[in-house]
Protein backbone atom coordinates (compact mmCIF):
# COMPACT_ATOMS: atom_id res chain seq x y z
CA MET A 1 -33.68 97.03 -112.23
CA PRO A 2 -34.15 100.66 -110.63
CA ILE A 3 -33.07 103.44 -112.58
CA ARG A 4 -30.06 105.64 -110.44
CA GLY A 5 -29.28 109.10 -111.75
CA THR A 6 -29.34 112.28 -110.20
CA VAL A 7 -31.46 115.91 -110.77
CA PRO A 8 -29.62 118.99 -110.92
CA VAL A 9 -30.75 121.32 -108.08
CA THR A 10 -31.17 124.72 -109.71
CA GLU A 11 -29.05 127.49 -108.87
CA GLY A 12 -28.63 125.88 -105.39
CA ASP A 13 -31.62 125.71 -103.79
CA THR A 14 -32.38 122.17 -102.60
CA LEU A 15 -35.92 123.10 -101.43
CA GLY A 16 -37.04 124.56 -104.28
CA THR A 17 -35.91 121.80 -106.14
CA LEU A 18 -37.51 118.68 -104.02
CA ARG A 19 -40.50 121.72 -104.37
CA ALA A 20 -40.25 121.43 -108.29
CA LEU A 21 -40.34 117.58 -108.30
CA LEU A 22 -43.34 117.06 -106.24
CA ARG A 23 -44.84 119.97 -108.12
CA ARG A 24 -45.10 118.40 -112.06
CA LEU A 25 -46.12 114.92 -109.80
CA LEU A 26 -49.39 117.31 -109.52
CA GLU A 27 -49.23 119.28 -112.07
CA HIS A 28 -49.38 116.07 -115.11
CA GLY A 29 -51.87 114.27 -112.74
CA VAL A 30 -49.11 111.69 -111.83
CA VAL A 31 -51.32 112.04 -108.11
CA ASP A 32 -54.16 113.70 -107.29
CA ALA A 33 -52.74 115.02 -103.35
CA ILE A 34 -49.55 114.43 -101.31
CA LEU A 35 -48.69 113.72 -98.76
CA VAL A 36 -45.57 115.82 -97.44
CA PRO A 37 -44.31 117.63 -94.10
CA VAL A 38 -45.31 121.40 -94.91
CA ALA A 39 -43.65 124.43 -91.88
CA THR A 40 -46.29 125.58 -89.69
CA PRO A 41 -47.32 129.52 -90.26
CA ASP A 42 -44.49 130.71 -87.81
CA ARG A 43 -41.92 128.23 -89.51
CA ARG A 44 -41.06 126.64 -85.66
CA ASN A 45 -42.55 123.58 -86.88
CA LEU A 46 -43.97 121.22 -89.98
CA VAL A 47 -46.54 118.79 -90.20
CA PRO A 48 -47.72 115.85 -92.38
CA THR A 49 -50.39 117.97 -95.08
CA LEU A 50 -52.45 116.78 -97.01
CA VAL A 51 -52.12 119.09 -100.78
CA SER A 52 -54.12 118.98 -103.76
CA ASP A 53 -52.86 122.29 -105.07
CA PRO A 54 -49.59 122.77 -106.75
CA GLU A 55 -49.30 126.96 -105.14
CA GLN A 56 -49.92 125.20 -101.27
CA LEU A 57 -46.21 123.11 -101.93
CA ALA A 58 -44.29 127.26 -101.46
CA HIS A 59 -43.35 126.09 -97.55
CA ALA A 60 -43.28 122.04 -98.20
CA ASP A 61 -39.76 120.52 -96.97
CA PRO A 62 -39.62 116.94 -97.21
CA ILE A 63 -35.61 116.92 -95.55
CA ALA A 64 -36.52 119.41 -92.47
CA PRO A 65 -34.80 117.58 -89.49
CA VAL A 66 -37.83 117.34 -87.56
CA MET A 67 -40.88 114.84 -87.09
CA PRO A 68 -43.62 115.85 -84.65
CA VAL A 69 -45.71 113.35 -86.54
CA GLN A 70 -45.26 109.49 -87.01
CA SER A 71 -46.26 110.29 -90.99
CA ALA A 72 -47.30 106.06 -91.17
CA ARG A 73 -50.41 106.57 -88.64
CA VAL A 74 -51.52 109.23 -90.83
CA VAL A 75 -50.71 107.10 -94.17
CA SER A 76 -52.91 105.00 -92.95
CA GLN A 77 -55.72 106.69 -92.21
CA LEU A 78 -55.96 107.92 -95.82
CA THR A 79 -55.55 104.39 -97.44
CA PHE A 80 -57.49 102.38 -95.04
CA SER A 81 -60.77 103.03 -96.51
CA ASP A 82 -60.12 102.57 -100.20
CA PRO A 83 -59.91 105.79 -101.10
CA GLU A 84 -60.44 106.38 -104.82
CA LYS A 85 -58.23 109.18 -105.34
CA ARG A 86 -54.25 108.78 -106.33
CA LEU A 87 -51.61 109.62 -103.41
CA ALA A 88 -48.12 110.54 -103.32
CA VAL A 89 -46.86 110.51 -99.59
CA VAL A 90 -43.36 111.84 -98.75
CA LEU A 91 -41.66 109.75 -95.82
CA LYS A 92 -38.66 109.37 -93.81
CA ALA A 93 -36.71 105.89 -93.54
CA CYS A 94 -38.84 104.71 -90.52
CA GLU A 95 -41.96 105.89 -91.13
CA TRP A 96 -41.83 103.91 -94.77
CA ARG A 97 -41.05 100.44 -92.40
CA ALA A 98 -43.91 101.87 -90.30
CA VAL A 99 -46.00 101.78 -93.61
CA ILE A 100 -44.78 99.09 -94.61
CA GLU A 101 -45.20 96.96 -90.96
CA LEU A 102 -48.83 98.65 -90.87
CA THR A 103 -49.75 96.98 -94.22
CA LYS A 104 -48.73 93.39 -93.27
CA LEU A 105 -51.02 94.31 -90.57
CA ARG A 106 -53.61 95.27 -92.74
CA GLN A 107 -53.74 98.90 -91.75
CA VAL A 108 -52.48 100.75 -94.85
CA LYS A 109 -53.20 99.94 -98.39
CA LEU A 110 -50.99 100.89 -101.32
CA ASP A 111 -52.96 100.04 -103.77
CA ARG A 112 -53.23 103.59 -105.30
CA VAL A 113 -50.28 105.40 -103.59
CA LEU A 114 -47.10 105.89 -104.54
CA THR A 115 -43.95 106.40 -101.79
CA ILE A 116 -41.82 108.87 -102.73
CA GLY A 117 -38.65 108.37 -99.63
CA VAL A 118 -35.85 110.69 -98.66
CA ASP A 119 -32.51 109.85 -97.17
CA CYS A 120 -33.11 110.89 -93.15
CA TYR A 121 -29.79 112.40 -91.49
CA GLY A 122 -31.70 112.89 -88.01
CA THR A 123 -34.14 115.04 -86.45
CA TYR A 124 -34.25 116.81 -83.38
CA PRO A 125 -37.02 117.12 -80.55
CA VAL A 126 -39.67 119.18 -81.76
CA LEU A 127 -39.00 122.55 -79.27
CA ASP A 128 -35.52 122.59 -80.00
CA TYR A 129 -36.51 122.70 -83.99
CA GLY A 130 -38.40 125.58 -82.73
CA SER A 131 -35.83 127.32 -81.19
CA MET A 132 -33.27 126.58 -84.14
CA ALA A 133 -35.90 127.77 -86.84
CA THR A 134 -35.96 130.98 -84.95
CA GLU A 135 -32.62 131.45 -84.94
CA GLN A 136 -32.12 130.78 -88.26
CA PRO A 137 -35.00 130.46 -90.68
CA ASP A 138 -33.45 129.25 -93.61
CA LEU A 139 -32.91 126.07 -91.62
CA THR A 140 -32.68 122.89 -93.66
CA SER A 141 -30.90 124.58 -96.42
CA LYS A 142 -28.00 126.00 -93.29
CA LEU A 143 -27.90 122.37 -92.23
CA LEU A 144 -27.41 120.90 -95.53
CA GLU A 145 -24.07 122.99 -96.02
CA GLN A 146 -22.27 121.48 -92.90
CA VAL A 147 -22.92 117.72 -92.77
CA GLU A 148 -21.07 115.64 -91.22
CA PRO A 149 -20.49 111.93 -92.72
CA ALA A 150 -20.14 110.20 -89.80
CA VAL A 151 -23.07 112.52 -87.48
CA GLY A 152 -25.57 113.87 -89.94
CA PHE A 153 -26.91 116.94 -89.03
CA GLN A 154 -25.70 118.98 -86.53
CA GLN A 155 -26.04 122.19 -84.63
CA ALA A 156 -24.07 124.00 -81.70
CA GLY A 157 -26.09 123.58 -78.67
CA HIS A 158 -28.64 120.91 -79.76
CA GLU A 159 -28.68 117.03 -80.35
CA LEU A 160 -30.14 114.86 -81.94
CA ARG A 161 -33.29 112.84 -80.98
CA VAL A 162 -32.00 110.19 -79.43
CA ALA A 163 -33.85 107.18 -81.87
CA CYS A 164 -32.22 109.03 -84.25
CA LYS A 165 -28.39 109.03 -82.76
CA MET A 166 -28.38 105.12 -83.22
CA CYS A 167 -30.16 104.42 -86.22
CA GLU A 168 -28.86 102.15 -88.57
CA HIS A 169 -32.02 101.95 -91.12
CA PHE A 170 -31.53 106.00 -92.61
CA VAL A 171 -32.08 105.54 -96.42
CA PRO A 172 -35.84 104.06 -97.21
CA GLU A 173 -35.26 100.40 -99.31
CA GLY A 174 -38.26 99.64 -101.74
CA VAL A 175 -39.95 103.19 -102.08
CA ASP A 176 -40.93 103.72 -105.60
CA VAL A 177 -39.69 106.90 -105.81
CA LEU A 178 -35.93 107.89 -103.21
CA LEU A 179 -34.75 110.96 -103.35
CA GLY A 180 -31.26 110.62 -101.83
CA LEU A 181 -28.75 113.09 -99.97
CA PHE A 182 -25.90 110.42 -99.15
CA GLY A 183 -23.25 110.30 -101.72
CA VAL A 184 -23.84 113.90 -103.47
CA ASP A 185 -23.29 117.36 -103.05
CA PRO A 186 -27.36 117.90 -102.48
CA THR A 187 -26.13 121.53 -102.85
CA GLN A 188 -25.79 121.10 -106.26
CA GLU A 189 -27.70 117.35 -107.59
CA ILE A 190 -30.18 114.95 -105.51
CA ALA A 191 -29.34 111.63 -105.90
CA VAL A 192 -32.36 109.82 -107.86
CA GLU A 193 -33.90 105.89 -107.70
CA LEU A 194 -36.82 105.00 -109.48
CA ALA A 195 -38.27 100.80 -109.22
CA ASP A 196 -38.69 99.81 -112.29
CA SER A 197 -42.76 100.06 -112.37
CA GLN A 198 -41.99 103.98 -112.05
CA ALA A 199 -39.52 104.01 -115.37
CA GLY A 200 -42.05 106.77 -116.96
CA LEU A 201 -41.09 109.26 -114.44
CA ALA A 202 -37.71 109.76 -115.26
CA GLU A 203 -38.01 112.16 -118.22
CA LEU A 204 -41.03 114.18 -116.25
CA LEU A 205 -38.15 114.84 -113.06
CA GLY A 206 -35.77 114.88 -115.39
CA LEU A 207 -33.30 112.43 -113.92
CA GLN A 208 -29.98 112.11 -115.65
CA GLU A 209 -28.91 108.48 -115.33
CA LYS A 210 -24.80 107.86 -113.68
CA GLU A 211 -23.54 105.83 -111.37
CA LEU A 212 -22.91 107.15 -107.69
CA SER A 213 -20.01 106.12 -106.52
CA GLY A 214 -19.61 107.81 -103.73
CA ARG A 215 -23.30 106.62 -101.90
CA PRO A 216 -21.99 103.26 -101.16
CA GLU A 217 -19.57 105.20 -98.95
CA ALA A 218 -20.88 108.12 -97.40
CA ILE A 219 -23.87 105.41 -96.32
CA ALA A 220 -21.57 103.38 -94.82
CA THR A 221 -19.42 105.73 -92.96
CA LEU A 222 -22.41 107.05 -91.04
CA GLU A 223 -24.09 103.48 -90.74
CA LYS A 224 -20.53 102.84 -89.14
CA ALA A 225 -20.91 105.52 -86.31
CA ARG A 226 -24.96 104.58 -85.99
CA LEU A 227 -24.02 101.21 -85.15
CA GLU A 228 -21.71 101.50 -82.38
CA ARG A 229 -23.61 104.02 -80.01
CA ARG A 230 -26.72 101.22 -80.98
CA ASP A 231 -24.72 98.80 -79.82
CA LYS A 232 -23.31 100.78 -76.61
CA ALA A 233 -26.79 101.77 -75.48
CA PHE A 234 -28.60 98.13 -75.55
CA ALA A 235 -25.84 97.11 -73.82
CA ALA A 236 -26.35 99.38 -71.24
CA ILE A 237 -29.86 98.68 -71.12
CA ARG A 238 -29.70 94.38 -71.38
CA GLU A 239 -27.52 94.92 -68.16
CA LYS A 240 -30.10 96.37 -66.25
CA LEU A 241 -32.81 93.86 -67.92
CA ALA A 242 -30.68 91.57 -67.03
CA THR A 243 -32.62 91.84 -63.66
CA ASN A 244 -35.52 92.35 -61.66
CA GLU A 245 -34.86 95.10 -59.85
CA GLY A 246 -33.16 96.49 -63.49
CA LEU A 247 -36.13 95.86 -65.05
CA LEU A 248 -39.01 97.74 -62.17
CA SER A 249 -36.17 100.84 -62.11
CA LEU A 250 -36.47 101.14 -66.01
CA PHE A 251 -40.25 101.68 -65.69
CA SER A 252 -40.04 103.32 -62.10
CA ALA A 253 -40.79 106.56 -63.50
CA CYS A 254 -44.01 105.45 -66.28
CA ILE A 255 -47.23 107.57 -64.86
CA ARG A 256 -49.44 105.02 -67.47
CA CYS A 257 -50.15 108.19 -69.39
CA HIS A 258 -50.58 106.38 -72.63
CA ASN A 259 -48.65 109.10 -74.50
CA CYS A 260 -46.35 106.44 -76.26
CA THR A 261 -49.16 104.22 -77.15
CA THR A 262 -50.85 107.67 -79.16
CA VAL A 263 -47.68 108.95 -81.04
CA CYS A 264 -46.61 105.20 -81.62
CA PRO A 265 -47.67 104.03 -86.08
CA ILE A 266 -47.62 100.42 -85.03
CA CYS A 267 -50.11 100.37 -81.60
CA TYR A 268 -53.17 100.78 -84.33
CA CYS A 269 -55.98 98.93 -82.47
CA LYS A 270 -59.17 100.34 -82.07
CA GLU A 271 -60.03 99.32 -79.06
CA CYS A 272 -56.41 98.99 -76.23
CA ILE A 273 -57.47 97.48 -72.83
CA PHE A 274 -55.37 99.84 -70.91
CA ARG A 275 -58.11 102.15 -72.44
CA THR A 276 -61.03 100.45 -70.64
CA PRO A 277 -62.31 100.06 -67.59
CA THR A 278 -60.45 96.81 -66.59
CA PHE A 279 -57.59 98.39 -64.54
CA ASP A 280 -60.57 100.92 -62.83
CA HIS A 281 -60.56 98.91 -59.84
CA ALA A 282 -63.19 98.56 -57.20
CA SER A 283 -61.57 101.06 -54.25
CA ARG A 284 -62.51 98.30 -52.27
CA ARG A 285 -59.67 97.17 -54.06
CA TYR A 286 -57.07 99.28 -53.58
CA MET A 287 -57.63 99.20 -49.86
CA GLN A 288 -57.75 95.05 -49.58
CA TRP A 289 -54.34 95.42 -51.50
CA ALA A 290 -52.64 97.30 -49.37
CA GLY A 291 -53.87 96.03 -46.29
CA ARG A 292 -52.24 92.17 -47.98
CA ARG A 293 -48.92 94.25 -49.10
CA GLY A 294 -48.87 96.91 -46.38
CA ALA A 295 -48.48 99.67 -49.35
CA VAL A 296 -49.59 99.83 -53.21
CA ARG A 297 -48.35 102.14 -55.40
CA LEU A 298 -50.84 104.21 -57.60
CA PRO A 299 -51.49 104.53 -60.29
CA THR A 300 -50.99 101.01 -60.29
CA ASP A 301 -50.56 98.17 -63.16
CA THR A 302 -47.81 100.05 -64.99
CA LEU A 303 -45.19 97.56 -65.04
CA LEU A 304 -47.62 95.96 -66.86
CA PHE A 305 -48.85 97.94 -69.15
CA GLN A 306 -45.29 98.14 -70.25
CA ILE A 307 -44.37 94.77 -70.84
CA THR A 308 -47.83 93.74 -72.27
CA ARG A 309 -47.10 97.45 -74.84
CA LEU A 310 -44.07 95.46 -75.40
CA ASN A 311 -45.20 91.82 -76.43
CA HIS A 312 -47.46 93.64 -78.87
CA MET A 313 -44.10 95.95 -80.16
CA ALA A 314 -41.39 93.65 -80.41
CA SER A 315 -41.55 92.09 -83.76
CA SER A 316 -42.70 94.81 -85.66
CA CYS A 317 -41.17 97.95 -83.93
CA VAL A 318 -39.13 100.28 -86.35
CA GLY A 319 -37.15 102.29 -83.53
CA CYS A 320 -38.53 105.21 -84.56
CA GLY A 321 -38.35 106.55 -80.98
CA LEU A 322 -42.08 108.85 -81.27
CA CYS A 323 -42.71 106.55 -77.75
CA GLU A 324 -39.58 108.25 -76.28
CA ASP A 325 -39.93 111.52 -77.49
CA GLY A 326 -43.59 111.86 -76.15
CA CYS A 327 -43.22 110.54 -72.55
CA PRO A 328 -42.96 112.68 -70.07
CA SER A 329 -40.98 110.84 -67.50
CA ASN A 330 -38.04 110.49 -69.97
CA VAL A 331 -38.48 106.68 -69.66
CA PRO A 332 -35.65 105.56 -72.07
CA LEU A 333 -38.67 103.54 -73.92
CA THR A 334 -36.20 103.91 -77.26
CA ALA A 335 -33.30 101.52 -76.31
CA ILE A 336 -35.39 99.97 -74.49
CA PHE A 337 -37.39 98.34 -77.19
CA ARG A 338 -35.36 98.41 -79.57
CA ALA A 339 -33.01 95.97 -77.73
CA ILE A 340 -35.80 94.04 -76.86
CA ALA A 341 -37.17 93.76 -80.43
CA GLN A 342 -33.88 92.74 -82.15
CA GLY A 343 -33.96 89.51 -79.64
CA VAL A 344 -37.33 88.58 -80.89
CA GLN A 345 -36.49 89.93 -84.59
CA GLY A 346 -33.52 88.10 -84.27
CA ILE A 347 -35.23 84.69 -83.43
CA PHE A 348 -37.45 84.77 -86.63
CA GLU A 349 -34.55 86.26 -88.60
CA TYR A 350 -36.64 88.73 -89.27
CA GLN A 351 -36.36 92.95 -89.30
CA ALA A 352 -39.33 95.00 -88.94
CA GLY A 353 -39.68 96.96 -92.22
CA ARG A 354 -37.32 95.13 -94.45
CA ASP A 355 -39.32 94.18 -97.08
CA LEU A 356 -43.43 94.13 -98.27
CA GLU A 357 -43.13 90.40 -99.06
CA GLU A 358 -41.38 89.26 -95.30
CA GLU A 359 -44.24 87.73 -94.02
CA LEU A 360 -44.77 88.88 -90.02
CA PRO A 361 -43.45 86.10 -87.31
CA LEU A 362 -47.02 86.69 -85.53
CA ALA A 363 -49.10 85.48 -87.88
CA THR A 364 -47.29 83.03 -90.13
CA PHE A 365 -46.72 78.93 -88.57
CA ARG A 366 -43.50 77.14 -89.19
CA GLU A 367 -43.40 73.75 -87.78
CA ASP A 368 -39.48 73.87 -87.11
CA GLU A 369 -39.06 77.24 -85.65
CA LEU A 370 -38.74 78.12 -81.47
CA HIS A 371 -36.62 74.67 -81.50
CA VAL A 372 -34.24 76.90 -79.52
CA VAL A 373 -36.67 78.87 -76.93
CA GLU A 374 -38.40 74.57 -76.42
CA ARG A 375 -34.98 73.11 -74.86
């Protein structure tokens, strides 16, 4: 059974307490380095940073409401080639779920990794976060003071990212160490859950074992609100996807810039067919197509690109929404990919990022599956 309890917050300083917990892991040799979001010098952003010197944790912020980079991609970089050092990674829920999928796809190795998950109230677009941080230098602490259970973080004039507003998986499940904000007053204490294998960390972290009776209710309240928004968004997208015209309209603004593949944590292929000369057609071909059809859209193959990506991603999409953030044309990729992924994953009774032991649908053969489709 996991060990559950709380760690007292020192003098109301939630971030200071979290940084102190991470410092102990380095100072006591539990790990050699920690991957954690650290503020940029202008404090307008936070970026995943590999820290080996405890002093460099002074501006770390594990719960900052911004995610410019999906850290699962970074974890893959740090672990793919069997590093000798011991590593801790601090991840939001969607980042951890992406790590789970990449582990199954053999792009991440967790043998020497201590996984630390943090409850996530949601994140803001990068530019919005920068604007907010300029106005309020101690932004994370201010947001923690005004959290709404059914909304999460909120700031006048700014809205959470689309993906966050309909994310029902905001608590990392199955991590080695869970740092929780739900069901407690985070200015007074932090909920902590240790996996059985990490029971030895209880004393080091100062864990005080106790039952948190309010935590399940707090999680359920936010989950209900998120599910309502998710289902409404999915229904609207599925209505458009039901017709060819609707499908074309959803992707009509795509310029095949590949930003969505660049930021996606699950798009790991070293060589993508859409980044090869395959779609750099000879000049005469464009003229032939125009002559045959009367007109040809340029750049070509935008719909083929999106449908191919959907085919590759549907079983492992974790709904982090970085694809939509990176899209310069505001294609509603989060709702599209999540709605289709829900259907595909439902066929196989699979949920991306749910469990490291759960087998990937496309890597597992079962004689009795897909009988519904066969009919």
